[in-house]
Amino acid sequence: MAMNGTLEREEGEEPLMATINTTPLVDVMLVLLIIFLITIPVVIHTVPIQLPRENSQPDPARPHTLHLTVDQSGGLYLEQQALPLEQIKPQLQRVLQANPHPIVQIRGDYRAHFKPFAQILQACKDLGLSQVSFVTEPSATP
């Protein structure tokens, strides 16, 4: 075998393959895609509620929007995290320290009692939050 910079074949050897076999790469990518598609619904979760229906246009979410959710049983959630009703005012005060003028959007199940909504509205009023709105589903147009 000479060392002149070229590879020489021994007799009986097959020639070197100059292409890359991409089949294993495609297989791995398809498996990763399937895993990704299966795990997305698990990662993205929201509190299951049924919003009331109203004739209104949805406002686009703004960068400093605070989302409060009240479920059917009256449970309160601040940005998808469960929160006792008595903690709403201290939590809103913490948010106000980081952002002095947040927009508060209240998502409430239409079967929920009024008490949690009254407590949220009172806490917002006490803290001087004036941009408070309720999120509804668009009504079905006949």
N, C-alpha and C. Protein backbone atom coordinates (compact mmCIF):
# COMPACT_ATOMS: atom_id res chain seq x y z
N MET A 1 0.83 -1.17 0.00
CA MET A 1 0.00 0.00 0.00
C MET A 1 0.88 1.24 0.00
N ALA A 2 0.67 2.11 -0.90
CA ALA A 2 1.48 3.32 -1.01
C ALA A 2 0.85 4.43 -0.21
N MET A 3 1.66 5.35 0.28
CA MET A 3 1.17 6.46 1.09
C MET A 3 1.26 7.76 0.30
N ASN A 4 0.69 7.80 -0.86
CA ASN A 4 0.79 8.98 -1.69
C ASN A 4 -0.47 9.86 -1.62
N GLY A 5 -1.30 9.70 -0.61
CA GLY A 5 -2.47 10.57 -0.43
C GLY A 5 -3.73 9.99 -1.03
N THR A 6 -3.66 8.87 -1.70
CA THR A 6 -4.87 8.25 -2.26
C THR A 6 -5.07 6.92 -1.58
N LEU A 7 -6.31 6.56 -1.45
CA LEU A 7 -6.61 5.26 -0.84
C LEU A 7 -6.67 4.21 -1.94
N GLU A 8 -5.93 3.20 -1.75
CA GLU A 8 -5.95 2.13 -2.71
C GLU A 8 -6.69 0.96 -2.10
N ARG A 9 -7.39 0.23 -2.95
CA ARG A 9 -8.15 -0.92 -2.49
C ARG A 9 -7.33 -2.20 -2.61
N GLU A 10 -7.54 -3.01 -1.64
CA GLU A 10 -6.97 -4.36 -1.74
C GLU A 10 -7.87 -5.15 -2.69
N GLU A 11 -7.36 -6.17 -3.25
CA GLU A 11 -8.17 -6.99 -4.13
C GLU A 11 -9.30 -7.63 -3.33
N GLY A 12 -10.52 -7.61 -3.90
CA GLY A 12 -11.66 -8.23 -3.24
C GLY A 12 -12.44 -7.28 -2.34
N GLU A 13 -11.88 -6.09 -2.07
CA GLU A 13 -12.61 -5.12 -1.24
C GLU A 13 -13.64 -4.40 -2.09
N GLU A 14 -14.75 -4.03 -1.44
CA GLU A 14 -15.77 -3.27 -2.14
C GLU A 14 -15.38 -1.80 -2.11
N PRO A 15 -15.81 -1.03 -3.12
CA PRO A 15 -15.45 0.39 -3.16
C PRO A 15 -16.12 1.15 -2.01
N LEU A 16 -15.48 2.21 -1.57
CA LEU A 16 -16.03 3.02 -0.49
C LEU A 16 -17.30 3.72 -0.96
N MET A 17 -18.27 3.85 -0.04
CA MET A 17 -19.53 4.49 -0.37
C MET A 17 -19.36 5.98 -0.12
N ALA A 18 -19.65 6.80 -1.13
CA ALA A 18 -19.42 8.23 -1.02
C ALA A 18 -20.68 9.00 -0.61
N THR A 19 -21.80 8.34 -0.32
CA THR A 19 -23.04 9.03 0.08
C THR A 19 -23.37 8.68 1.51
N ILE A 20 -24.19 9.54 2.11
CA ILE A 20 -24.61 9.33 3.50
C ILE A 20 -25.99 8.70 3.49
N ASN A 21 -26.16 7.69 4.29
CA ASN A 21 -27.47 7.04 4.42
C ASN A 21 -28.32 7.87 5.38
N THR A 22 -29.34 8.54 4.87
CA THR A 22 -30.16 9.42 5.71
C THR A 22 -31.38 8.73 6.29
N THR A 23 -31.61 7.49 6.00
CA THR A 23 -32.78 6.78 6.52
C THR A 23 -32.81 6.77 8.05
N PRO A 24 -31.72 6.46 8.76
CA PRO A 24 -31.78 6.51 10.23
C PRO A 24 -32.08 7.92 10.75
N LEU A 25 -31.56 8.93 10.09
CA LEU A 25 -31.83 10.31 10.51
C LEU A 25 -33.31 10.62 10.37
N VAL A 26 -33.92 10.24 9.26
CA VAL A 26 -35.35 10.48 9.05
C VAL A 26 -36.17 9.71 10.08
N ASP A 27 -35.78 8.48 10.39
CA ASP A 27 -36.49 7.70 11.39
C ASP A 27 -36.46 8.38 12.76
N VAL A 28 -35.30 8.85 13.14
CA VAL A 28 -35.17 9.53 14.43
C VAL A 28 -36.00 10.81 14.45
N MET A 29 -35.98 11.58 13.38
CA MET A 29 -36.75 12.82 13.33
C MET A 29 -38.25 12.54 13.41
N LEU A 30 -38.74 11.50 12.76
CA LEU A 30 -40.16 11.15 12.83
C LEU A 30 -40.55 10.73 14.24
N VAL A 31 -39.70 9.98 14.91
CA VAL A 31 -39.98 9.59 16.30
C VAL A 31 -40.02 10.82 17.19
N LEU A 32 -39.09 11.75 17.02
CA LEU A 32 -39.08 12.98 17.81
C LEU A 32 -40.33 13.81 17.54
N LEU A 33 -40.76 13.87 16.29
CA LEU A 33 -41.98 14.61 15.94
C LEU A 33 -43.19 14.00 16.62
N ILE A 34 -43.30 12.69 16.62
CA ILE A 34 -44.42 12.01 17.28
C ILE A 34 -44.40 12.28 18.77
N ILE A 35 -43.25 12.19 19.39
CA ILE A 35 -43.14 12.48 20.83
C ILE A 35 -43.54 13.91 21.11
N PHE A 36 -43.09 14.83 20.28
CA PHE A 36 -43.45 16.25 20.45
C PHE A 36 -44.95 16.45 20.34
N LEU A 37 -45.58 15.84 19.35
CA LEU A 37 -47.03 15.99 19.17
C LEU A 37 -47.83 15.38 20.31
N ILE A 38 -47.32 14.33 20.90
CA ILE A 38 -48.03 13.69 22.02
C ILE A 38 -47.88 14.52 23.29
N THR A 39 -46.73 15.14 23.52
CA THR A 39 -46.50 15.85 24.78
C THR A 39 -47.06 17.26 24.79
N ILE A 40 -47.35 17.88 23.66
CA ILE A 40 -47.86 19.26 23.63
C ILE A 40 -49.16 19.40 24.41
N PRO A 41 -50.17 18.55 24.22
CA PRO A 41 -51.41 18.73 25.00
C PRO A 41 -51.20 18.60 26.51
N VAL A 42 -50.20 17.84 26.93
CA VAL A 42 -49.93 17.68 28.35
C VAL A 42 -49.31 18.95 28.91
N VAL A 43 -48.46 19.60 28.15
CA VAL A 43 -47.76 20.79 28.60
C VAL A 43 -48.69 22.00 28.63
N ILE A 44 -49.53 22.13 27.61
CA ILE A 44 -50.44 23.27 27.52
C ILE A 44 -51.75 22.86 28.17
N HIS A 45 -52.01 23.41 29.34
CA HIS A 45 -53.25 23.09 30.03
C HIS A 45 -53.86 24.38 30.57
N THR A 46 -55.16 24.38 30.64
CA THR A 46 -55.87 25.50 31.21
C THR A 46 -56.92 24.97 32.17
N VAL A 47 -57.49 25.85 32.94
CA VAL A 47 -58.55 25.48 33.86
C VAL A 47 -59.81 25.24 33.02
N PRO A 48 -60.44 24.07 33.14
CA PRO A 48 -61.62 23.80 32.31
C PRO A 48 -62.84 24.56 32.82
N ILE A 49 -63.27 25.57 32.08
CA ILE A 49 -64.46 26.32 32.44
C ILE A 49 -65.28 26.55 31.19
N GLN A 50 -66.53 26.92 31.38
CA GLN A 50 -67.39 27.29 30.27
C GLN A 50 -67.69 28.77 30.39
N LEU A 51 -67.18 29.55 29.47
CA LEU A 51 -67.36 31.00 29.51
C LEU A 51 -68.78 31.36 29.08
N PRO A 52 -69.32 32.44 29.63
CA PRO A 52 -70.63 32.88 29.16
C PRO A 52 -70.51 33.41 27.74
N ARG A 53 -71.62 33.38 27.02
CA ARG A 53 -71.63 33.85 25.63
C ARG A 53 -72.19 35.26 25.57
N GLU A 54 -71.52 36.11 24.80
CA GLU A 54 -71.90 37.52 24.67
C GLU A 54 -71.49 38.03 23.31
N ASN A 55 -72.17 39.06 22.84
CA ASN A 55 -71.80 39.69 21.57
C ASN A 55 -70.71 40.72 21.83
N SER A 56 -69.48 40.32 21.68
CA SER A 56 -68.37 41.24 21.90
C SER A 56 -67.20 40.80 21.03
N GLN A 57 -66.33 41.74 20.77
CA GLN A 57 -65.12 41.45 20.01
C GLN A 57 -63.98 41.19 20.99
N PRO A 58 -63.20 40.13 20.77
CA PRO A 58 -62.09 39.87 21.70
C PRO A 58 -61.00 40.92 21.58
N ASP A 59 -60.51 41.35 22.72
CA ASP A 59 -59.38 42.28 22.74
C ASP A 59 -58.10 41.48 22.62
N PRO A 60 -57.17 41.96 21.84
CA PRO A 60 -55.89 41.24 21.76
C PRO A 60 -55.17 41.34 23.10
N ALA A 61 -54.49 40.27 23.48
CA ALA A 61 -53.76 40.28 24.74
C ALA A 61 -52.62 41.29 24.66
N ARG A 62 -52.48 42.05 25.70
CA ARG A 62 -51.41 43.05 25.76
C ARG A 62 -50.30 42.51 26.66
N PRO A 63 -49.12 43.08 26.59
CA PRO A 63 -47.99 42.51 27.33
C PRO A 63 -48.19 42.48 28.85
N HIS A 64 -48.93 43.42 29.41
CA HIS A 64 -49.09 43.47 30.86
C HIS A 64 -50.51 43.08 31.26
N THR A 65 -51.00 41.99 30.70
CA THR A 65 -52.34 41.52 31.01
C THR A 65 -52.25 40.46 32.10
N LEU A 66 -53.09 40.60 33.11
CA LEU A 66 -53.15 39.67 34.23
C LEU A 66 -54.44 38.86 34.08
N HIS A 67 -54.34 37.55 34.06
CA HIS A 67 -55.50 36.69 33.85
C HIS A 67 -55.94 36.05 35.17
N LEU A 68 -57.17 36.30 35.55
CA LEU A 68 -57.78 35.66 36.72
C LEU A 68 -58.89 34.76 36.22
N THR A 69 -58.98 33.54 36.76
CA THR A 69 -59.99 32.58 36.33
C THR A 69 -60.76 32.09 37.54
N VAL A 70 -62.09 32.03 37.39
CA VAL A 70 -62.96 31.48 38.43
C VAL A 70 -63.64 30.27 37.82
N ASP A 71 -63.44 29.09 38.44
CA ASP A 71 -64.06 27.89 37.89
C ASP A 71 -65.48 27.71 38.44
N GLN A 72 -66.13 26.64 38.04
CA GLN A 72 -67.53 26.41 38.40
C GLN A 72 -67.75 26.34 39.91
N SER A 73 -66.80 25.77 40.62
CA SER A 73 -66.96 25.62 42.08
C SER A 73 -66.53 26.87 42.84
N GLY A 74 -66.10 27.91 42.15
CA GLY A 74 -65.69 29.14 42.81
C GLY A 74 -64.20 29.22 43.09
N GLY A 75 -63.43 28.25 42.61
CA GLY A 75 -61.98 28.27 42.80
C GLY A 75 -61.35 29.38 41.97
N LEU A 76 -60.36 30.03 42.52
CA LEU A 76 -59.70 31.15 41.86
C LEU A 76 -58.32 30.74 41.39
N TYR A 77 -57.96 31.19 40.18
CA TYR A 77 -56.67 30.91 39.60
C TYR A 77 -56.07 32.21 39.09
N LEU A 78 -54.82 32.44 39.44
CA LEU A 78 -54.07 33.60 38.96
C LEU A 78 -53.02 33.08 37.99
N GLU A 79 -53.18 33.39 36.70
CA GLU A 79 -52.26 32.90 35.66
C GLU A 79 -52.09 31.38 35.76
N GLN A 80 -53.18 30.65 35.82
CA GLN A 80 -53.24 29.18 35.83
C GLN A 80 -52.76 28.55 37.15
N GLN A 81 -52.45 29.35 38.17
CA GLN A 81 -52.02 28.83 39.46
C GLN A 81 -53.15 29.02 40.47
N ALA A 82 -53.53 27.96 41.17
CA ALA A 82 -54.60 28.04 42.16
C ALA A 82 -54.23 29.04 43.25
N LEU A 83 -55.24 29.79 43.70
CA LEU A 83 -55.01 30.85 44.68
C LEU A 83 -56.22 30.93 45.60
N PRO A 84 -56.01 30.90 46.94
CA PRO A 84 -57.14 31.09 47.84
C PRO A 84 -57.70 32.51 47.69
N LEU A 85 -59.02 32.66 47.86
CA LEU A 85 -59.66 33.97 47.68
C LEU A 85 -59.08 35.03 48.63
N GLU A 86 -58.68 34.60 49.82
CA GLU A 86 -58.15 35.61 50.77
C GLU A 86 -56.79 36.13 50.35
N GLN A 87 -56.11 35.44 49.43
CA GLN A 87 -54.79 35.86 48.97
C GLN A 87 -54.82 36.74 47.73
N ILE A 88 -56.03 37.06 47.22
CA ILE A 88 -56.10 37.81 45.96
C ILE A 88 -55.51 39.20 46.10
N LYS A 89 -55.82 39.89 47.18
CA LYS A 89 -55.32 41.27 47.33
C LYS A 89 -53.79 41.30 47.50
N PRO A 90 -53.19 40.47 48.37
CA PRO A 90 -51.72 40.48 48.47
C PRO A 90 -51.03 40.10 47.15
N GLN A 91 -51.61 39.16 46.40
CA GLN A 91 -51.01 38.78 45.12
C GLN A 91 -51.10 39.92 44.11
N LEU A 92 -52.23 40.61 44.09
CA LEU A 92 -52.36 41.75 43.18
C LEU A 92 -51.39 42.87 43.57
N GLN A 93 -51.14 43.05 44.86
CA GLN A 93 -50.17 44.06 45.30
C GLN A 93 -48.77 43.72 44.79
N ARG A 94 -48.42 42.41 44.83
CA ARG A 94 -47.11 41.99 44.32
C ARG A 94 -46.99 42.27 42.81
N VAL A 95 -48.07 42.02 42.11
CA VAL A 95 -48.07 42.28 40.67
C VAL A 95 -47.93 43.77 40.41
N LEU A 96 -48.59 44.59 41.22
CA LEU A 96 -48.52 46.05 41.05
C LEU A 96 -47.11 46.58 41.28
N GLN A 97 -46.34 45.93 42.14
CA GLN A 97 -44.97 46.37 42.37
C GLN A 97 -44.12 46.18 41.12
N ALA A 98 -44.38 45.09 40.39
CA ALA A 98 -43.61 44.82 39.17
C ALA A 98 -44.13 45.63 37.99
N ASN A 99 -45.45 45.84 37.94
CA ASN A 99 -46.06 46.56 36.82
C ASN A 99 -47.17 47.44 37.39
N PRO A 100 -47.00 48.75 37.42
CA PRO A 100 -47.97 49.61 38.09
C PRO A 100 -49.33 49.73 37.39
N HIS A 101 -49.45 49.38 36.12
CA HIS A 101 -50.73 49.54 35.42
C HIS A 101 -51.09 48.28 34.62
N PRO A 102 -51.34 47.15 35.32
CA PRO A 102 -51.70 45.95 34.56
C PRO A 102 -53.16 46.01 34.10
N ILE A 103 -53.45 45.26 33.08
CA ILE A 103 -54.82 45.08 32.61
C ILE A 103 -55.29 43.75 33.19
N VAL A 104 -56.41 43.76 33.89
CA VAL A 104 -56.92 42.56 34.54
C VAL A 104 -58.06 42.00 33.69
N GLN A 105 -57.92 40.74 33.29
CA GLN A 105 -58.98 40.05 32.56
C GLN A 105 -59.48 38.91 33.43
N ILE A 106 -60.79 38.89 33.66
CA ILE A 106 -61.41 37.88 34.51
C ILE A 106 -62.16 36.90 33.62
N ARG A 107 -61.76 35.64 33.69
CA ARG A 107 -62.45 34.57 32.98
C ARG A 107 -63.23 33.79 34.02
N GLY A 108 -64.55 33.76 33.88
CA GLY A 108 -65.36 33.07 34.87
C GLY A 108 -66.34 32.11 34.25
N ASP A 109 -66.45 30.94 34.85
CA ASP A 109 -67.45 29.97 34.41
C ASP A 109 -68.82 30.57 34.67
N TYR A 110 -69.73 30.44 33.71
CA TYR A 110 -71.04 31.07 33.87
C TYR A 110 -71.86 30.41 34.97
N ARG A 111 -71.46 29.23 35.45
CA ARG A 111 -72.18 28.56 36.53
C ARG A 111 -71.63 28.92 37.91
N ALA A 112 -70.57 29.71 37.96
CA ALA A 112 -69.94 30.07 39.24
C ALA A 112 -70.80 31.08 40.01
N HIS A 113 -70.65 31.06 41.32
CA HIS A 113 -71.36 32.02 42.16
C HIS A 113 -70.71 33.39 42.06
N PHE A 114 -71.41 34.41 42.48
CA PHE A 114 -70.97 35.79 42.33
C PHE A 114 -69.90 36.20 43.34
N LYS A 115 -69.83 35.52 44.48
CA LYS A 115 -68.93 35.94 45.57
C LYS A 115 -67.46 36.10 45.13
N PRO A 116 -66.86 35.12 44.42
CA PRO A 116 -65.46 35.32 44.02
C PRO A 116 -65.27 36.53 43.11
N PHE A 117 -66.25 36.78 42.22
CA PHE A 117 -66.15 37.93 41.33
C PHE A 117 -66.20 39.23 42.13
N ALA A 118 -67.08 39.27 43.13
CA ALA A 118 -67.19 40.47 43.97
C ALA A 118 -65.89 40.72 44.72
N GLN A 119 -65.27 39.66 45.22
CA GLN A 119 -64.01 39.82 45.94
C GLN A 119 -62.88 40.28 45.02
N ILE A 120 -62.85 39.76 43.81
CA ILE A 120 -61.84 40.20 42.85
C ILE A 120 -62.04 41.67 42.51
N LEU A 121 -63.27 42.03 42.21
CA LEU A 121 -63.56 43.43 41.85
C LEU A 121 -63.26 44.38 43.00
N GLN A 122 -63.58 43.97 44.22
CA GLN A 122 -63.30 44.82 45.38
C GLN A 122 -61.79 44.98 45.58
N ALA A 123 -61.04 43.89 45.42
CA ALA A 123 -59.57 43.98 45.56
C ALA A 123 -58.99 44.90 44.48
N CYS A 124 -59.50 44.80 43.26
CA CYS A 124 -59.03 45.67 42.18
C CYS A 124 -59.36 47.13 42.49
N LYS A 125 -60.55 47.37 43.01
CA LYS A 125 -60.96 48.74 43.36
C LYS A 125 -60.08 49.30 44.47
N ASP A 126 -59.84 48.49 45.51
CA ASP A 126 -59.02 48.93 46.64
C ASP A 126 -57.59 49.28 46.20
N LEU A 127 -57.08 48.57 45.20
CA LEU A 127 -55.71 48.79 44.74
C LEU A 127 -55.63 49.82 43.62
N GLY A 128 -56.77 50.35 43.20
CA GLY A 128 -56.77 51.38 42.17
C GLY A 128 -56.63 50.86 40.75
N LEU A 129 -56.93 49.59 40.56
CA LEU A 129 -56.86 49.02 39.21
C LEU A 129 -58.15 49.38 38.48
N SER A 130 -58.02 50.11 37.39
CA SER A 130 -59.21 50.57 36.69
C SER A 130 -59.46 49.82 35.39
N GLN A 131 -58.47 49.11 34.87
CA GLN A 131 -58.65 48.38 33.61
C GLN A 131 -58.96 46.92 33.91
N VAL A 132 -60.23 46.66 34.21
CA VAL A 132 -60.70 45.32 34.55
C VAL A 132 -61.78 44.95 33.54
N SER A 133 -61.69 43.76 32.97
CA SER A 133 -62.70 43.33 32.01
C SER A 133 -63.01 41.85 32.21
N PHE A 134 -64.17 41.44 31.68
CA PHE A 134 -64.59 40.06 31.73
C PHE A 134 -64.43 39.45 30.35
N VAL A 135 -63.93 38.22 30.30
CA VAL A 135 -63.74 37.52 29.05
C VAL A 135 -64.97 36.63 28.82
N THR A 136 -65.54 36.71 27.62
CA THR A 136 -66.70 35.89 27.27
C THR A 136 -66.43 35.17 25.95
N GLU A 137 -67.25 34.18 25.66
CA GLU A 137 -67.21 33.50 24.37
C GLU A 137 -68.10 34.26 23.41
N PRO A 138 -67.74 34.33 22.15
CA PRO A 138 -68.65 34.96 21.19
C PRO A 138 -69.92 34.14 21.06
N SER A 139 -71.06 34.79 20.98
CA SER A 139 -72.31 34.06 20.87
C SER A 139 -72.45 33.51 19.45
N ALA A 140 -73.19 32.42 19.35
CA ALA A 140 -73.41 31.82 18.05
C ALA A 140 -74.35 32.70 17.26
N THR A 141 -73.93 33.08 16.06
CA THR A 141 -74.77 33.94 15.23
C THR A 141 -75.71 33.08 14.41
N PRO A 142 -77.01 33.43 14.39
CA PRO A 142 -77.97 32.60 13.65
C PRO A 142 -77.85 32.77 12.15
